Protein backbone atom coordinates (compact mmCIF):
# COMPACT_ATOMS: atom_id res chain seq x y z
CA MET A 1 -6.87 -72.28 102.40
CA SER A 2 -4.16 -70.27 104.13
CA GLN A 3 -1.57 -71.92 106.35
CA PRO A 4 -1.17 -71.03 110.00
CA SER A 5 1.64 -68.60 110.44
CA ASP A 6 3.42 -70.99 112.77
CA SER A 7 3.30 -74.02 110.40
CA LEU A 8 6.55 -75.60 109.12
CA GLN A 9 6.85 -75.13 105.33
CA PHE A 10 9.27 -76.57 102.77
CA ALA A 11 10.97 -73.19 102.52
CA ASP A 12 11.90 -73.53 106.17
CA LEU A 13 13.57 -76.87 105.44
CA THR A 14 15.59 -75.51 102.53
CA SER A 15 16.72 -72.48 104.50
CA VAL A 16 18.49 -74.54 107.16
CA SER A 17 22.20 -73.72 107.13
CA VAL A 18 24.66 -75.74 105.04
CA GLY A 19 22.41 -77.04 102.28
CA GLY A 20 19.03 -77.37 103.96
CA LEU A 21 17.25 -80.57 105.01
CA LEU A 22 15.50 -81.70 101.81
CA ASN A 23 16.95 -84.68 99.94
CA GLU A 24 17.87 -83.89 96.33
CA ASP A 25 15.48 -85.29 93.71
CA VAL A 26 17.86 -86.19 90.83
CA LEU A 27 16.94 -88.52 87.98
CA GLN A 28 19.49 -91.35 88.05
CA LYS A 29 20.16 -91.28 84.35
CA MET A 30 22.67 -89.62 82.03
CA ASN A 31 21.07 -87.89 79.04
CA ASP A 32 23.26 -87.53 75.98
CA ILE A 33 22.46 -87.45 72.24
CA SER A 34 26.02 -86.98 71.00
CA PRO A 35 26.45 -88.90 67.71
CA ARG A 36 27.96 -92.32 68.35
CA ASP A 37 27.13 -94.02 65.06
CA THR A 38 29.69 -94.44 62.28
CA PRO A 39 27.57 -95.09 59.14
CA ALA A 40 30.34 -94.39 56.63
CA LEU A 41 33.00 -96.40 58.45
CA ASP A 42 30.58 -99.33 58.78
CA LEU A 43 30.49 -99.64 54.98
CA LEU A 44 34.16 -100.58 54.72
CA GLY A 45 35.91 -103.89 55.10
CA GLY A 46 38.66 -104.70 57.59
CA GLY A 47 41.74 -106.85 57.19
CA THR A 48 45.05 -106.98 58.99
CA ILE A 49 48.52 -105.47 58.64
CA SER A 50 51.78 -106.64 60.19
CA ASN A 51 54.00 -103.57 59.80
CA PRO A 52 53.64 -99.82 60.44
CA TYR A 53 54.18 -99.29 56.71
CA PHE A 54 52.43 -101.67 54.34
CA THR A 55 51.97 -101.83 50.57
CA TRP A 56 49.84 -103.33 47.81
CA VAL A 57 49.64 -103.18 44.01
CA GLN A 58 47.15 -101.36 41.78
CA ASP A 59 46.87 -102.26 38.09
CA SER A 60 44.70 -101.69 35.02
CA LEU A 61 44.27 -102.82 31.44
CA THR A 62 45.54 -100.71 28.55
CA ALA A 63 42.89 -98.78 26.66
CA PRO A 64 41.30 -100.65 23.73
CA THR A 65 42.49 -99.80 20.21
CA PHE A 66 41.87 -100.91 16.61
CA ALA A 67 45.45 -102.18 16.25
CA SER A 68 44.95 -105.79 17.36
CA LYS A 69 45.34 -107.44 13.95
CA ALA A 70 48.11 -109.50 12.39
CA VAL A 71 49.20 -111.02 9.07
CA ASP A 72 49.03 -114.79 8.96
CA GLY A 73 52.55 -116.24 8.97
CA GLY A 74 54.10 -112.91 9.80
CA SER A 75 56.59 -112.24 12.59
CA PHE A 76 55.42 -111.25 16.06
CA ALA A 77 56.62 -108.03 17.68
CA PRO A 78 56.43 -108.60 21.46
CA THR A 79 55.19 -105.81 23.66
CA THR A 80 55.55 -105.33 27.39
CA ALA A 81 52.37 -104.94 29.40
CA SER A 82 52.12 -102.78 32.49
CA SER A 83 53.00 -104.62 35.69
CA GLY A 84 51.04 -102.34 38.02
CA ALA A 85 52.00 -99.72 40.58
CA ARG A 86 53.01 -100.43 44.16
CA VAL A 87 51.56 -98.03 46.74
CA GLY A 88 51.43 -97.95 50.52
CA ASN A 89 50.13 -96.26 53.64
CA TRP A 90 51.25 -95.76 57.22
CA ALA A 91 49.51 -97.20 60.25
CA GLN A 92 48.10 -94.83 62.85
CA LEU A 93 48.07 -95.50 66.58
CA SER A 94 44.98 -93.82 68.02
CA GLU A 95 44.64 -93.60 71.78
CA TYR A 96 42.52 -92.19 74.61
CA GLY A 97 43.34 -92.17 78.30
CA VAL A 98 41.05 -92.63 81.31
CA ASN A 99 42.23 -91.51 84.76
CA VAL A 100 39.80 -91.80 87.67
CA GLY A 101 40.68 -91.04 91.29
CA ASP A 102 40.04 -93.68 93.93
CA MET A 103 37.55 -91.51 95.82
CA ALA A 104 35.74 -90.60 92.58
CA GLU A 105 35.38 -94.29 91.73
CA ALA A 106 34.07 -95.12 95.20
CA SER A 107 31.60 -92.21 95.29
CA SER A 108 27.88 -92.52 94.64
CA THR A 109 27.41 -90.74 91.32
CA ILE A 110 24.43 -89.78 89.19
CA GLY A 111 23.50 -92.06 86.32
CA ARG A 112 26.23 -94.69 86.66
CA SER A 113 27.45 -97.24 89.14
CA SER A 114 31.13 -96.87 88.20
CA GLU A 115 32.85 -93.71 87.04
CA LEU A 116 35.70 -95.74 85.52
CA ALA A 117 33.28 -97.83 83.45
CA TYR A 118 31.34 -94.75 82.37
CA GLN A 119 34.45 -92.83 81.25
CA THR A 120 35.81 -95.91 79.44
CA THR A 121 32.54 -96.37 77.51
CA LYS A 122 32.59 -92.70 76.45
CA ARG A 123 36.16 -92.96 75.24
CA LEU A 124 35.44 -96.10 73.21
CA ALA A 125 32.68 -94.25 71.34
CA GLU A 126 34.95 -91.24 70.79
CA LEU A 127 37.66 -93.47 69.34
CA GLU A 128 35.23 -94.89 66.76
CA THR A 129 33.90 -91.51 65.66
CA ASN A 130 37.41 -90.06 65.42
CA ILE A 131 38.55 -92.92 63.18
CA GLU A 132 35.59 -92.34 60.83
CA ALA A 133 36.46 -88.64 60.71
CA SER A 134 40.07 -89.50 59.80
CA VAL A 135 39.20 -92.13 57.16
CA PHE A 136 36.83 -89.71 55.37
CA SER A 137 39.26 -86.79 55.45
CA ASN A 138 41.88 -85.05 53.32
CA LEU A 139 44.68 -85.88 55.77
CA PRO A 140 47.99 -86.95 54.18
CA SER A 141 50.04 -89.89 55.39
CA ILE A 142 52.93 -89.20 57.75
CA ALA A 143 55.87 -91.57 58.18
CA GLY A 144 56.17 -92.68 61.77
CA THR A 145 59.52 -92.29 63.54
CA THR A 146 60.76 -92.48 67.12
CA SER A 147 59.60 -88.91 67.64
CA VAL A 148 56.80 -88.44 65.04
CA ALA A 149 53.46 -90.21 65.19
CA GLY A 150 52.53 -92.09 62.03
CA GLN A 151 49.38 -90.95 60.27
CA ALA A 152 47.13 -92.83 57.84
CA ALA A 153 46.11 -90.97 54.69
CA GLY A 154 42.36 -90.42 54.34
CA LEU A 155 40.23 -90.93 51.25
CA GLY A 156 40.52 -87.30 50.18
CA ALA A 157 44.29 -87.61 49.91
CA TRP A 158 44.19 -90.97 48.12
CA ILE A 159 41.71 -90.21 45.34
CA GLU A 160 43.48 -88.51 42.43
CA THR A 161 42.18 -89.95 39.15
CA ASN A 162 38.50 -89.02 39.26
CA THR A 163 38.20 -85.71 41.12
CA SER A 164 36.67 -82.25 40.84
CA HIS A 165 38.13 -79.18 42.55
CA GLY A 166 37.30 -75.55 43.05
CA SER A 167 39.41 -72.98 41.24
CA GLY A 168 43.09 -73.50 42.04
CA GLY A 169 42.58 -76.87 43.69
CA SER A 170 44.18 -80.13 42.61
CA ALA A 171 44.71 -83.75 43.63
CA ASN A 172 48.11 -85.10 44.63
CA GLY A 173 47.74 -88.71 45.75
CA PHE A 174 50.51 -91.24 46.27
CA ASN A 175 54.01 -89.82 45.77
CA THR A 176 56.28 -92.52 44.32
CA SER A 177 59.41 -90.57 45.32
CA THR A 178 58.55 -90.25 49.01
CA SER A 179 56.08 -93.15 49.44
CA ILE A 180 53.80 -90.60 51.10
CA VAL A 181 50.19 -89.84 50.18
CA ASP A 182 50.00 -86.05 49.81
CA ALA A 183 46.96 -83.99 50.74
CA PRO A 184 45.00 -82.29 47.93
CA THR A 185 45.61 -78.61 47.24
CA PRO A 186 42.60 -76.58 48.41
CA GLY A 187 40.59 -74.66 45.81
CA THR A 188 38.01 -71.89 46.00
CA SER A 189 34.79 -73.10 47.61
CA ARG A 190 31.69 -73.51 45.44
CA ALA A 191 28.20 -74.97 45.62
CA LEU A 192 27.55 -78.61 44.78
CA THR A 193 25.62 -79.23 41.56
CA TRP A 194 24.06 -82.32 40.07
CA ALA A 195 26.22 -81.76 36.99
CA LEU A 196 29.36 -82.22 39.14
CA ILE A 197 28.08 -85.55 40.49
CA SER A 198 26.87 -86.77 37.09
CA ALA A 199 30.23 -85.98 35.49
CA ARG A 200 32.14 -87.95 38.14
CA ILE A 201 29.79 -90.94 37.81
CA GLU A 202 30.30 -90.95 34.03
CA ALA A 203 34.08 -90.61 34.37
CA GLY A 204 34.12 -93.47 36.86
CA TYR A 205 32.06 -95.71 34.61
CA LEU A 206 34.44 -95.10 31.71
CA LEU A 207 37.30 -96.19 33.99
CA GLY A 208 35.42 -99.36 34.93
CA ALA A 209 34.25 -98.13 38.34
CA LYS A 210 30.79 -98.52 39.85
CA PRO A 211 30.73 -96.46 43.05
CA THR A 212 27.65 -97.38 45.05
CA HIS A 213 27.60 -94.81 47.88
CA LEU A 214 27.76 -91.03 48.11
CA VAL A 215 29.20 -89.92 51.46
CA SER A 216 29.31 -86.36 52.74
CA ARG A 217 28.38 -84.06 55.59
CA PRO A 218 24.64 -84.08 56.52
CA GLU A 219 24.30 -80.47 55.33
CA VAL A 220 25.30 -81.62 51.84
CA THR A 221 23.32 -84.87 51.70
CA LYS A 222 20.18 -83.08 52.92
CA ARG A 223 20.36 -80.46 50.17
CA LEU A 224 21.18 -83.09 47.57
CA GLY A 225 18.04 -85.02 48.58
CA GLN A 226 15.97 -81.84 48.42
CA TYR A 227 17.26 -81.14 44.92
CA LEU A 228 16.52 -84.65 43.66
CA ILE A 229 12.97 -84.75 45.00
CA GLY A 230 12.20 -81.44 43.31
CA SER A 231 13.95 -82.23 40.03
CA ASP A 232 12.89 -83.94 36.83
CA PHE A 233 14.86 -87.01 37.97
CA PHE A 234 12.31 -87.73 40.69
CA VAL A 235 9.37 -89.92 39.67
CA ALA A 236 6.40 -89.48 42.01
CA PRO A 237 4.70 -92.68 43.21
CA VAL A 238 1.41 -93.49 41.53
CA ALA A 239 -0.06 -95.65 44.31
CA ASN A 240 0.43 -96.49 47.94
CA VAL A 241 2.27 -99.62 49.06
CA ALA A 242 -0.90 -101.70 48.85
CA GLY A 243 -1.61 -100.32 45.39
CA ASP A 244 -5.06 -99.02 46.28
CA ARG A 245 -5.35 -95.23 45.98
CA THR A 246 -2.97 -92.49 44.93
CA THR A 247 -4.60 -90.21 47.50
CA ASP A 248 -3.15 -92.35 50.30
CA VAL A 249 0.43 -91.79 49.22
CA VAL A 250 2.51 -89.84 51.76
CA PRO A 251 5.59 -88.23 50.22
CA SER A 252 8.79 -88.95 52.12
CA GLY A 253 10.34 -85.54 51.45
CA TYR A 254 13.76 -87.06 51.01
CA ILE A 255 15.63 -89.23 48.53
CA ASP A 256 18.42 -91.41 49.89
CA MET A 257 19.19 -93.43 46.77
CA PHE A 258 19.00 -93.11 43.01
CA LYS A 259 19.76 -95.10 39.89
CA THR A 260 22.68 -93.91 37.78
CA ASP A 261 22.60 -93.44 34.00
CA PHE A 262 24.63 -96.65 33.77
CA GLY A 263 22.32 -99.00 35.61
CA TRP A 264 23.47 -99.29 39.21
CA ILE A 265 22.01 -97.84 42.40
CA MET A 266 23.84 -95.24 44.51
CA LYS A 267 22.89 -94.69 48.15
CA ILE A 268 23.37 -91.33 49.90
CA ILE A 269 25.06 -91.63 53.32
CA PRO A 270 25.34 -88.66 55.72
CA SER A 271 28.31 -88.73 58.09
CA ARG A 272 28.16 -86.36 61.05
CA ASN A 273 31.75 -87.28 61.87
CA MET A 274 33.22 -85.89 58.64
CA GLN A 275 35.00 -82.63 59.38
CA ASN A 276 34.96 -79.41 57.37
CA VAL A 277 38.30 -78.22 55.98
CA ASP A 278 39.82 -74.96 54.84
CA SER A 279 39.28 -73.86 51.25
CA ALA A 280 41.54 -71.48 49.34
CA ASP A 281 39.35 -68.55 50.37
CA THR A 282 40.88 -65.72 52.41
CA ASN A 283 39.12 -66.60 55.67
CA SER A 284 40.84 -68.95 58.08
CA THR A 285 37.84 -71.03 59.12
CA ALA A 286 36.99 -74.58 58.06
CA ASP A 287 34.47 -73.48 55.44
CA ALA A 288 34.44 -76.33 52.94
CA THR A 289 33.71 -80.03 52.78
CA MET A 290 33.85 -82.80 50.19
CA LEU A 291 31.65 -85.50 48.72
CA PHE A 292 32.95 -89.00 48.10
CA GLY A 293 31.58 -91.53 45.65
CA ILE A 294 32.88 -94.87 46.89
CA ASP A 295 32.71 -98.55 46.09
CA PRO A 296 33.28 -100.18 49.51
CA GLN A 297 34.76 -103.37 48.06
CA TRP A 298 37.88 -101.39 47.08
CA ILE A 299 38.57 -99.80 50.48
CA GLU A 300 39.69 -101.49 53.68
CA VAL A 301 40.38 -100.20 57.19
CA PRO A 302 42.89 -102.85 58.33
CA GLN A 303 44.29 -103.18 61.83
CA MET A 304 47.61 -104.17 63.33
CA TRP A 305 45.46 -104.78 66.38
CA GLY A 306 41.89 -103.99 67.31
CA THR A 307 40.64 -101.90 70.21
CA ARG A 308 42.50 -102.62 73.43
CA ILE A 309 41.80 -101.44 76.97
CA LYS A 310 45.10 -101.55 78.83
CA ALA A 311 45.43 -101.23 82.59
CA LEU A 312 48.32 -98.86 83.35
CA SER A 313 50.37 -98.70 86.51
CA ALA A 314 49.56 -95.89 88.92
CA ASP A 315 51.87 -94.07 91.30
CA GLY A 316 49.07 -92.34 93.18
CA HIS A 317 45.49 -92.65 94.30
CA TYR A 318 43.84 -93.29 90.94
CA THR A 319 43.18 -95.94 88.28
CA ARG A 320 44.52 -95.50 84.76
CA ARG A 321 43.36 -97.07 81.53
CA MET A 322 44.57 -96.64 77.94
CA ILE A 323 42.22 -97.27 75.02
CA GLN A 324 44.05 -97.76 71.74
CA ARG A 325 43.80 -99.15 68.23
CA CYS A 326 46.42 -99.44 65.49
CA TRP A 327 44.66 -99.00 62.14
CA SER A 328 45.06 -97.57 58.65
CA VAL A 329 43.40 -97.17 55.24
CA ARG A 330 44.11 -99.58 52.39
CA MET A 331 42.88 -97.90 49.21
CA LEU A 332 42.93 -101.02 47.06
CA LEU A 333 42.03 -99.07 43.90
CA GLU A 334 41.80 -95.30 44.10
CA LYS A 335 40.29 -94.99 40.61
CA ALA A 336 37.29 -97.07 41.74
CA HIS A 337 36.05 -93.97 43.60
CA PHE A 338 35.59 -90.25 43.01
CA ALA A 339 35.78 -87.11 45.12
CA ILE A 340 34.32 -83.62 44.74
CA PHE A 341 36.24 -81.08 46.81
CA ASP A 342 35.84 -77.48 48.00
CA LEU A 343 32.08 -77.60 48.58
CA GLN A 344 30.15 -75.01 50.56
CA PRO A 345 28.24 -77.21 53.06
CA THR A 346 25.01 -75.20 53.25
CA ALA A 347 24.80 -73.97 49.65
CA THR A 348 21.67 -74.98 47.74
CA VAL A 349 22.26 -77.81 45.28
CA ALA A 350 21.29 -76.84 41.73
CA ALA A 351 21.33 -78.59 38.37
CA SER A 352 24.52 -76.94 37.15
């Protein structure tokens, strides 16, 4: 039915000068799916530190030999056993600031009752994800001074005994001359293979290690799961959970754990917060990533203090907050883990 030409329509209300006369219909909710979880960081223990630079000792037994025999009544030739190696890391002070104007805080805003509270909550989540990115990185340690910020070395810099690198790449680890943990040398990027993982698991077992988690970018863990479910290592279920009919079985399409050749289970953990790094290739983009095999009992993320929200003085019409945490990485035993470097994130995983 047509409207009389002289009727008032909604278009007339919206055409009134300076914004019209209709109230805005805005959903009072903020919609955001940015990753806030820290699955890899959550695996690790904590602890405390009391100085910006802190140390600990790593040790190991000598390799077994056939020489442990003696003549009865004979003299004893004393030998000196290894006393271990002292290593250390620097603490890192991570911070975020929140500055909100007085009028902004007093305004009626969409999806939150307080702009200061909303911005503080966002920054707290960003601090957590940034720390996970730093822990699972190749970043070296940096000695803190009055003018240089201290930096904690990430796992990729620490692990030097059980590693695999692309062509030209190498591990560096803790430098006893400088007391700094040096970043690994980038190699040429390559695709991940099951042979690379299997070799590192075997090497770790021979050292006495039992890494229980594989951690990498989601692009890598996805393709690793796809390889495993299509390989000879995957054993298809023969019945549903109730054990009734094989026709009721629904394949999951993904494998997130597997049993090693040496008897323990490894779980695959994707971390969206891990960052890609530069390889030795000629391009200048972050085109490579790494895969860590870790045993969480031998890694800690200690704190000089936990997360603080400090109220700062203001010399204007605003409220200031500082969010900070002083933390580091204590790699209790670097040989308890392994790392595979210079991986192309989206390359298909093959057997070898």
